Amino acid sequence: MITFSVRGWSAWAPGIQSSDDWLRWADSPVAPGLEGTPELKFIPAMVRRRFSRLSKLALQVAFDATPPEQLADVSTVFASRHGESNACVGLLTDIARQAPLSPTAFSHSVHNTQAGLFSIAANNGRISSSIAAGKDTFCAGLIETLGICEREPARPTLLVIADELPPEIFGEFQDEIPCSYALALMIEPGSVRGAQAFRMELCAAPLAPADTTPRLPQALEFLAWMLGDTRSLELPHGKRSRRFEREPAD
């Protein structure tokens, strides 16, 4: 069992942007919309126009969740199930059509695009990882974040999860409710005074047959639970599950 604390958080989705919006959403969670993009006003317009929507989603919550004085000194984990798959499919389509490739689109098509853009925008040279793990991307990103916390226990680590609808060509493989969103969590190891603490463990899944009904992405399920008041949450993990519990408040 691992104990960690959330020092701060930020989330963004079309039509759900402020903390009050998210608190109301958590009372009855539904899939956010698909259309909409953060303004990203803290990035110069000439630079911002080169960003994909996924990059704008990720950087918006990353900057909102991080105190300004920590932006240049926080280690980060950027997690995305689909990453820049829309950009990659666009490039492959251009190749198939023998059309010229955009150097900007090519340079922004890798999975660590958001990590690189954050490091430049925040003048941040700290440790950074980029994660993709299918439906388990949120939990994998959290475990990676906790690993960095173990290496750097004196400082928090920023976890950013962002995704949008993957390209239509992958539609038949879509096994989550489609939505566009980003979530950032400022994570510290252990139970920290003044922050909400949680416990996480890997446990056996229930013996009941697996429910194949599409669910919200796990990051949004965790956010809805974190903002609510139920004691525990279980997220499927193959034939097992990850169980989260709240630590009693001080």
C-alpha atoms as a PDB file:
ATOM      1  CA  MET A   1       0.000   0.000   0.000  1.00  0.00           C
ATOM      2  CA  ILE A   2       1.291   3.458  -0.952  1.00  0.00           C
ATOM      3  CA  THR A   3       0.283   6.717   0.725  1.00  0.00           C
ATOM      4  CA  PHE A   4       0.442  10.006  -1.142  1.00  0.00           C
ATOM      5  CA  SER A   5      -0.960  13.515  -0.802  1.00  0.00           C
ATOM      6  CA  VAL A   6      -2.447  15.905  -3.343  1.00  0.00           C
ATOM      7  CA  ARG A   7      -1.116  19.384  -2.590  1.00  0.00           C
ATOM      8  CA  GLY A   8      -3.024  21.059  -5.426  1.00  0.00           C
ATOM      9  CA  TRP A   9      -4.923  20.258  -8.605  1.00  0.00           C
ATOM     10  CA  SER A  10      -6.365  21.764 -11.766  1.00  0.00           C
ATOM     11  CA  ALA A  11      -8.623  20.357 -14.475  1.00  0.00           C
ATOM     12  CA  TRP A  12      -9.963  21.632 -17.787  1.00  0.00           C
ATOM     13  CA  ALA A  13     -12.570  20.292 -20.186  1.00  0.00           C
ATOM     14  CA  PRO A  14     -14.981  21.963 -22.615  1.00  0.00           C
ATOM     15  CA  GLY A  15     -17.602  23.676 -20.459  1.00  0.00           C
ATOM     16  CA  ILE A  16     -15.999  22.579 -17.152  1.00  0.00           C
ATOM     17  CA  GLN A  17     -13.133  24.853 -16.221  1.00  0.00           C
ATOM     18  CA  SER A  18     -13.268  26.438 -12.747  1.00  0.00           C
ATOM     19  CA  SER A  19     -12.938  24.480  -9.496  1.00  0.00           C
ATOM     20  CA  ASP A  20     -16.600  25.248  -8.763  1.00  0.00           C
ATOM     21  CA  ASP A  21     -17.554  23.830 -12.172  1.00  0.00           C
ATOM     22  CA  TRP A  22     -15.696  20.622 -11.347  1.00  0.00           C
ATOM     23  CA  LEU A  23     -17.232  20.349  -7.892  1.00  0.00           C
ATOM     24  CA  ARG A  24     -20.699  20.540  -9.448  1.00  0.00           C
ATOM     25  CA  TRP A  25     -19.651  18.011 -12.100  1.00  0.00           C
ATOM     26  CA  ALA A  26     -18.388  15.598  -9.429  1.00  0.00           C
ATOM     27  CA  ASP A  27     -21.883  15.421  -7.920  1.00  0.00           C
ATOM     28  CA  SER A  28     -23.054  13.641 -11.094  1.00  0.00           C
ATOM     29  CA  PRO A  29     -20.107  12.896 -13.377  1.00  0.00           C
ATOM     30  CA  VAL A  30     -20.774  12.771 -17.112  1.00  0.00           C
ATOM     31  CA  ALA A  31     -18.418  12.795 -20.063  1.00  0.00           C
ATOM     32  CA  PRO A  32     -17.165  16.305 -20.884  1.00  0.00           C
ATOM     33  CA  GLY A  33     -17.606  17.568 -24.416  1.00  0.00           C
ATOM     34  CA  LEU A  34     -15.243  17.055 -27.304  1.00  0.00           C
ATOM     35  CA  GLU A  35     -14.953  20.574 -28.693  1.00  0.00           C
ATOM     36  CA  GLY A  36     -13.181  23.453 -26.999  1.00  0.00           C
ATOM     37  CA  THR A  37      -9.628  24.635 -26.360  1.00  0.00           C
ATOM     38  CA  PRO A  38      -8.012  26.564 -23.483  1.00  0.00           C
ATOM     39  CA  GLU A  39      -6.866  30.089 -24.327  1.00  0.00           C
ATOM     40  CA  LEU A  40      -3.371  29.569 -22.882  1.00  0.00           C
ATOM     41  CA  LYS A  41      -2.892  33.313 -22.423  1.00  0.00           C
ATOM     42  CA  PHE A  42       0.448  32.891 -20.638  1.00  0.00           C
ATOM     43  CA  ILE A  43       2.069  31.612 -23.861  1.00  0.00           C
ATOM     44  CA  PRO A  44       2.979  34.197 -26.540  1.00  0.00           C
ATOM     45  CA  ALA A  45       0.525  34.120 -29.450  1.00  0.00           C
ATOM     46  CA  MET A  46       3.211  33.399 -32.067  1.00  0.00           C
ATOM     47  CA  VAL A  47       4.273  30.314 -30.097  1.00  0.00           C
ATOM     48  CA  ARG A  48       0.779  29.284 -28.998  1.00  0.00           C
ATOM     49  CA  ARG A  49      -0.577  28.995 -32.536  1.00  0.00           C
ATOM     50  CA  ARG A  50       1.832  26.113 -33.193  1.00  0.00           C
ATOM     51  CA  PHE A  51       0.464  24.051 -30.290  1.00  0.00           C
ATOM     52  CA  SER A  52      -1.977  21.210 -30.806  1.00  0.00           C
ATOM     53  CA  ARG A  53      -5.146  21.170 -28.744  1.00  0.00           C
ATOM     54  CA  LEU A  54      -3.698  18.355 -26.626  1.00  0.00           C
ATOM     55  CA  SER A  55      -0.676  20.512 -25.813  1.00  0.00           C
ATOM     56  CA  LYS A  56      -2.909  23.439 -24.891  1.00  0.00           C
ATOM     57  CA  LEU A  57      -4.977  21.190 -22.603  1.00  0.00           C
ATOM     58  CA  ALA A  58      -1.894  19.805 -20.848  1.00  0.00           C
ATOM     59  CA  LEU A  59      -0.055  23.096 -20.414  1.00  0.00           C
ATOM     60  CA  GLN A  60      -3.142  24.940 -19.170  1.00  0.00           C
ATOM     61  CA  VAL A  61      -3.628  22.614 -16.197  1.00  0.00           C
ATOM     62  CA  ALA A  62       0.114  22.223 -15.602  1.00  0.00           C
ATOM     63  CA  PHE A  63       0.557  25.977 -15.151  1.00  0.00           C
ATOM     64  CA  ASP A  64      -2.697  26.363 -13.190  1.00  0.00           C
ATOM     65  CA  ALA A  65      -1.743  23.622 -10.694  1.00  0.00           C
ATOM     66  CA  THR A  66       1.818  24.827 -10.110  1.00  0.00           C
ATOM     67  CA  PRO A  67       2.641  27.844  -7.933  1.00  0.00           C
ATOM     68  CA  PRO A  68       4.574  30.354 -10.087  1.00  0.00           C
ATOM     69  CA  GLU A  69       7.661  30.121  -7.897  1.00  0.00           C
ATOM     70  CA  GLN A  70       7.822  26.326  -8.490  1.00  0.00           C
ATOM     71  CA  LEU A  71       7.349  26.275 -12.269  1.00  0.00           C
ATOM     72  CA  ALA A  72      11.063  26.131 -13.023  1.00  0.00           C
ATOM     73  CA  ASP A  73      11.845  23.648 -10.261  1.00  0.00           C
ATOM     74  CA  VAL A  74       9.138  20.945 -10.331  1.00  0.00           C
ATOM     75  CA  SER A  75       9.688  17.464 -11.731  1.00  0.00           C
ATOM     76  CA  THR A  76       6.915  16.281 -14.029  1.00  0.00           C
ATOM     77  CA  VAL A  77       5.120  13.262 -15.437  1.00  0.00           C
ATOM     78  CA  PHE A  78       2.965  13.759 -18.536  1.00  0.00           C
ATOM     79  CA  ALA A  79       0.551  10.890 -19.210  1.00  0.00           C
ATOM     80  CA  SER A  80      -1.703  10.426 -22.229  1.00  0.00           C
ATOM     81  CA  ARG A  81      -3.336   7.275 -23.546  1.00  0.00           C
ATOM     82  CA  HIS A  82      -3.601   8.480 -27.140  1.00  0.00           C
ATOM     83  CA  GLY A  83      -0.984  11.233 -27.181  1.00  0.00           C
ATOM     84  CA  GLU A  84      -0.503  13.045 -30.465  1.00  0.00           C
ATOM     85  CA  SER A  85      -2.139  10.277 -32.496  1.00  0.00           C
ATOM     86  CA  ASN A  86      -4.157  12.840 -34.471  1.00  0.00           C
ATOM     87  CA  ALA A  87      -0.938  14.531 -35.592  1.00  0.00           C
ATOM     88  CA  CYS A  88       0.676  11.187 -36.442  1.00  0.00           C
ATOM     89  CA  VAL A  89      -2.290  10.038 -38.533  1.00  0.00           C
ATOM     90  CA  GLY A  90      -2.311  13.409 -40.289  1.00  0.00           C
ATOM     91  CA  LEU A  91       1.373  13.026 -41.187  1.00  0.00           C
ATOM     92  CA  LEU A  92       0.905   9.443 -42.413  1.00  0.00           C
ATOM     93  CA  THR A  93      -2.053  10.583 -44.526  1.00  0.00           C
ATOM     94  CA  ASP A  94       0.128  13.287 -46.101  1.00  0.00           C
ATOM     95  CA  ILE A  95       2.814  10.692 -46.855  1.00  0.00           C
ATOM     96  CA  ALA A  96       0.238   8.409 -48.499  1.00  0.00           C
ATOM     97  CA  ARG A  97      -0.955  11.345 -50.625  1.00  0.00           C
ATOM     98  CA  GLN A  98       2.646  12.315 -51.402  1.00  0.00           C
ATOM     99  CA  ALA A  99       1.959  15.748 -49.928  1.00  0.00           C
ATOM    100  CA  PRO A 100       4.711  17.848 -48.303  1.00  0.00           C
ATOM    101  CA  LEU A 101       5.120  17.301 -44.565  1.00  0.00           C
ATOM    102  CA  SER A 102       4.910  20.168 -42.083  1.00  0.00           C
ATOM    103  CA  PRO A 103       8.142  20.402 -40.037  1.00  0.00           C
ATOM    104  CA  THR A 104       6.153  21.891 -37.134  1.00  0.00           C
ATOM    105  CA  ALA A 105       3.573  19.096 -37.221  1.00  0.00           C
ATOM    106  CA  PHE A 106       6.374  16.538 -37.356  1.00  0.00           C
ATOM    107  CA  SER A 107       8.263  18.045 -34.412  1.00  0.00           C
ATOM    108  CA  HIS A 108       5.050  18.140 -32.312  1.00  0.00           C
ATOM    109  CA  SER A 109       3.952  14.577 -33.103  1.00  0.00           C
ATOM    110  CA  VAL A 110       6.011  12.649 -30.534  1.00  0.00           C
ATOM    111  CA  HIS A 111       4.596  11.381 -27.243  1.00  0.00           C
ATOM    112  CA  ASN A 112       6.742  13.683 -25.089  1.00  0.00           C
ATOM    113  CA  THR A 113       5.637  16.831 -26.956  1.00  0.00           C
ATOM    114  CA  GLN A 114       3.833  18.270 -23.927  1.00  0.00           C
ATOM    115  CA  ALA A 115       6.751  17.566 -21.594  1.00  0.00           C
ATOM    116  CA  GLY A 116       9.109  19.380 -23.962  1.00  0.00           C
ATOM    117  CA  LEU A 117       6.806  22.362 -24.421  1.00  0.00           C
ATOM    118  CA  PHE A 118       6.338  22.688 -20.657  1.00  0.00           C
ATOM    119  CA  SER A 119      10.094  22.578 -20.059  1.00  0.00           C
ATOM    120  CA  ILE A 120      10.585  25.415 -22.562  1.00  0.00           C
ATOM    121  CA  ALA A 121       7.641  27.548 -21.430  1.00  0.00           C
ATOM    122  CA  ALA A 122       8.488  27.169 -17.719  1.00  0.00           C
ATOM    123  CA  ASN A 123      12.284  27.246 -18.190  1.00  0.00           C
ATOM    124  CA  ASN A 124      12.257  23.907 -16.366  1.00  0.00           C
ATOM    125  CA  GLY A 125      15.183  21.489 -16.545  1.00  0.00           C
ATOM    126  CA  ARG A 126      14.008  19.006 -13.916  1.00  0.00           C
ATOM    127  CA  ILE A 127      13.256  15.278 -14.339  1.00  0.00           C
ATOM    128  CA  SER A 128      10.354  14.516 -16.688  1.00  0.00           C
ATOM    129  CA  SER A 129       8.695  11.313 -17.902  1.00  0.00           C
ATOM    130  CA  SER A 130       6.048  10.707 -20.561  1.00  0.00           C
ATOM    131  CA  ILE A 131       3.704   7.756 -20.061  1.00  0.00           C
ATOM    132  CA  ALA A 132       1.159   5.786 -22.101  1.00  0.00           C
ATOM    133  CA  ALA A 133      -0.414   2.602 -20.692  1.00  0.00           C
ATOM    134  CA  GLY A 134      -3.774   2.059 -22.361  1.00  0.00           C
ATOM    135  CA  LYS A 135      -6.756   2.192 -20.008  1.00  0.00           C
ATOM    136  CA  ASP A 136      -4.312   2.144 -17.068  1.00  0.00           C
ATOM    137  CA  THR A 137      -2.539   5.341 -18.142  1.00  0.00           C
ATOM    138  CA  PHE A 138      -3.663   7.346 -15.099  1.00  0.00           C
ATOM    139  CA  CYS A 139      -2.501   4.755 -12.562  1.00  0.00           C
ATOM    140  CA  ALA A 140       0.743   4.150 -14.467  1.00  0.00           C
ATOM    141  CA  GLY A 141       1.400   7.887 -14.476  1.00  0.00           C
ATOM    142  CA  LEU A 142       0.658   8.068 -10.758  1.00  0.00           C
ATOM    143  CA  ILE A 143       3.085   5.227 -10.000  1.00  0.00           C
ATOM    144  CA  GLU A 144       5.769   6.925 -12.108  1.00  0.00           C
ATOM    145  CA  THR A 145       5.091  10.148 -10.190  1.00  0.00           C
ATOM    146  CA  LEU A 146       5.433   8.365  -6.850  1.00  0.00           C
ATOM    147  CA  GLY A 147       8.710   6.858  -8.037  1.00  0.00           C
ATOM    148  CA  ILE A 148      10.069  10.361  -8.665  1.00  0.00           C
ATOM    149  CA  CYS A 149       8.725  11.410  -5.257  1.00  0.00           C
ATOM    150  CA  GLU A 150      10.767   8.615  -3.664  1.00  0.00           C
ATOM    151  CA  ARG A 151      13.860   9.924  -5.428  1.00  0.00           C
ATOM    152  CA  GLU A 152      13.081  13.552  -4.519  1.00  0.00           C
ATOM    153  CA  PRO A 153      11.083  13.362  -1.248  1.00  0.00           C
ATOM    154  CA  ALA A 154      11.699  16.999  -0.349  1.00  0.00           C
ATOM    155  CA  ARG A 155       9.787  18.367  -3.344  1.00  0.00           C
ATOM    156  CA  PRO A 156       6.368  17.690  -4.914  1.00  0.00           C
ATOM    157  CA  THR A 157       6.053  16.176  -8.394  1.00  0.00           C
ATOM    158  CA  LEU A 158       3.518  17.321 -10.979  1.00  0.00           C
ATOM    159  CA  LEU A 159       1.379  14.683 -12.713  1.00  0.00           C
ATOM    160  CA  VAL A 160      -0.478  15.818 -15.853  1.00  0.00           C
ATOM    161  CA  ILE A 161      -2.981  13.616 -17.700  1.00  0.00           C
ATOM    162  CA  ALA A 162      -4.483  14.867 -20.962  1.00  0.00           C
ATOM    163  CA  ASP A 163      -6.385  13.190 -23.777  1.00  0.00           C
ATOM    164  CA  GLU A 164      -8.787  13.902 -26.592  1.00  0.00           C
ATOM    165  CA  LEU A 165     -10.806  11.829 -29.057  1.00  0.00           C
ATOM    166  CA  PRO A 166      -8.396   9.656 -31.086  1.00  0.00           C
ATOM    167  CA  PRO A 167      -8.548   9.604 -34.895  1.00  0.00           C
ATOM    168  CA  GLU A 168     -11.651   8.116 -36.493  1.00  0.00           C
ATOM    169  CA  ILE A 169      -9.585   5.269 -37.952  1.00  0.00           C
ATOM    170  CA  PHE A 170      -9.213   3.905 -34.395  1.00  0.00           C
ATOM    171  CA  GLY A 171     -12.924   4.215 -33.605  1.00  0.00           C
ATOM    172  CA  GLU A 172     -13.576   0.461 -33.483  1.00  0.00           C
ATOM    173  CA  PHE A 173     -11.028   0.129 -30.662  1.00  0.00           C
ATOM    174  CA  GLN A 174     -12.564   2.873 -28.517  1.00  0.00           C
ATOM    175  CA  ASP A 175     -13.382   1.281 -25.138  1.00  0.00           C
ATOM    176  CA  GLU A 176     -13.806   4.431 -23.028  1.00  0.00           C
ATOM    177  CA  ILE A 177     -16.430   7.150 -23.181  1.00  0.00           C
ATOM    178  CA  PRO A 178     -14.900   9.678 -25.624  1.00  0.00           C
ATOM    179  CA  CYS A 179     -14.087  13.102 -24.193  1.00  0.00           C
ATOM    180  CA  SER A 180     -11.429  15.805 -24.172  1.00  0.00           C
ATOM    181  CA  TYR A 181      -9.936  16.737 -20.808  1.00  0.00           C
ATOM    182  CA  ALA A 182      -6.797  17.460 -18.815  1.00  0.00           C
ATOM    183  CA  LEU A 183      -6.023  16.965 -15.129  1.00  0.00           C
ATOM    184  CA  ALA A 184      -2.964  18.047 -13.141  1.00  0.00           C
ATOM    185  CA  LEU A 185      -2.173  16.834  -9.618  1.00  0.00           C
ATOM    186  CA  MET A 186       0.648  18.141  -7.427  1.00  0.00           C
ATOM    187  CA  ILE A 187       1.754  14.976  -5.626  1.00  0.00           C
ATOM    188  CA  GLU A 188       3.817  14.557  -2.448  1.00  0.00           C
ATOM    189  CA  PRO A 189       4.802  11.255  -0.819  1.00  0.00           C
ATOM    190  CA  GLY A 190       3.170  10.181   2.436  1.00  0.00           C
ATOM    191  CA  SER A 191       0.606  12.045   4.474  1.00  0.00           C
ATOM    192  CA  VAL A 192       1.301  15.790   4.388  1.00  0.00           C
ATOM    193  CA  ARG A 193      -0.293  18.280   6.761  1.00  0.00           C
ATOM    194  CA  GLY A 194      -2.645  20.642   4.965  1.00  0.00           C
ATOM    195  CA  ALA A 195      -3.176  18.323   1.972  1.00  0.00           C
ATOM    196  CA  GLN A 196      -5.637  15.518   1.280  1.00  0.00           C
ATOM    197  CA  ALA A 197      -3.911  12.147   1.666  1.00  0.00           C
ATOM    198  CA  PHE A 198      -4.843   8.889  -0.061  1.00  0.00           C
ATOM    199  CA  ARG A 199      -3.796   5.248   0.037  1.00  0.00           C
ATOM    200  CA  MET A 200      -3.434   3.084  -3.075  1.00  0.00           C
ATOM    201  CA  GLU A 201      -3.007  -0.676  -3.324  1.00  0.00           C
ATOM    202  CA  LEU A 202      -3.244  -3.383  -5.962  1.00  0.00           C
ATOM    203  CA  CYS A 203      -5.873  -5.962  -5.010  1.00  0.00           C
ATOM    204  CA  ALA A 204      -7.806  -8.889  -6.459  1.00  0.00           C
ATOM    205  CA  ALA A 205     -10.702  -7.855  -8.665  1.00  0.00           C
ATOM    206  CA  PRO A 206     -14.245  -8.954  -7.788  1.00  0.00           C
ATOM    207  CA  LEU A 207     -15.232 -12.427  -9.019  1.00  0.00           C
ATOM    208  CA  ALA A 208     -18.228 -11.024 -10.917  1.00  0.00           C
ATOM    209  CA  PRO A 209     -17.941 -11.027 -14.731  1.00  0.00           C
ATOM    210  CA  ALA A 210     -16.167  -7.966 -16.088  1.00  0.00           C
ATOM    211  CA  ASP A 211     -18.473  -5.124 -17.107  1.00  0.00           C
ATOM    212  CA  THR A 212     -17.665  -4.211 -20.705  1.00  0.00           C
ATOM    213  CA  THR A 213     -19.723  -1.007 -20.685  1.00  0.00           C
ATOM    214  CA  PRO A 214     -17.454   1.934 -21.634  1.00  0.00           C
ATOM    215  CA  ARG A 215     -16.459   4.037 -18.616  1.00  0.00           C
ATOM    216  CA  LEU A 216     -15.010   7.473 -18.149  1.00  0.00           C
ATOM    217  CA  PRO A 217     -11.209   7.636 -18.385  1.00  0.00           C
ATOM    218  CA  GLN A 218      -9.704   6.622 -15.048  1.00  0.00           C
ATOM    219  CA  ALA A 219      -8.281  10.099 -14.450  1.00  0.00           C
ATOM    220  CA  LEU A 220     -11.813  11.534 -14.474  1.00  0.00           C
ATOM    221  CA  GLU A 221     -13.131   8.721 -12.290  1.00  0.00           C
ATOM    222  CA  PHE A 222     -10.388   9.508  -9.767  1.00  0.00           C
ATOM    223  CA  LEU A 223     -11.106  13.250  -9.923  1.00  0.00           C
ATOM    224  CA  ALA A 224     -14.837  12.734  -9.321  1.00  0.00           C
ATOM    225  CA  TRP A 225     -14.022  10.511  -6.337  1.00  0.00           C
ATOM    226  CA  MET A 226     -11.363  12.880  -4.991  1.00  0.00           C
ATOM    227  CA  LEU A 227     -13.840  15.777  -5.036  1.00  0.00           C
ATOM    228  CA  GLY A 228     -16.599  13.685  -3.469  1.00  0.00           C
ATOM    229  CA  ASP A 229     -16.923  12.125  -0.039  1.00  0.00           C
ATOM    230  CA  THR A 230     -17.095   8.358  -0.557  1.00  0.00           C
ATOM    231  CA  ARG A 231     -14.390   6.464   1.290  1.00  0.00           C
ATOM    232  CA  SER A 232     -12.966   4.249  -1.452  1.00  0.00           C
ATOM    233  CA  LEU A 233     -12.610   3.826  -5.204  1.00  0.00           C
ATOM    234  CA  GLU A 234     -11.669   0.784  -7.279  1.00  0.00           C
ATOM    235  CA  LEU A 235     -10.297   1.127 -10.797  1.00  0.00           C
ATOM    236  CA  PRO A 236     -10.007  -2.024 -12.972  1.00  0.00           C
ATOM    237  CA  HIS A 237      -6.499  -3.201 -13.804  1.00  0.00           C
ATOM    238  CA  GLY A 238      -6.639  -6.283 -16.011  1.00  0.00           C
ATOM    239  CA  LYS A 239      -7.832  -9.177 -13.849  1.00  0.00           C
ATOM    240  CA  ARG A 240      -7.146  -7.153 -10.721  1.00  0.00           C
ATOM    241  CA  SER A 241      -7.957  -3.647  -9.544  1.00  0.00           C
ATOM    242  CA  ARG A 242      -6.365  -0.670  -7.854  1.00  0.00           C
ATOM    243  CA  ARG A 243      -8.075   0.439  -4.680  1.00  0.00           C
ATOM    244  CA  PHE A 244      -7.888   4.002  -3.360  1.00  0.00           C
ATOM    245  CA  GLU A 245      -8.912   5.076   0.144  1.00  0.00           C
ATOM    246  CA  ARG A 246      -8.917   8.414   1.911  1.00  0.00           C
ATOM    247  CA  GLU A 247      -6.631   8.992   4.842  1.00  0.00           C
ATOM    248  CA  PRO A 248      -8.480  10.404   7.858  1.00  0.00           C
ATOM    249  CA  ALA A 249      -8.220  14.202   8.023  1.00  0.00           C
ATOM    250  CA  ASP A 250      -5.942  15.712  10.686  1.00  0.00           C
END
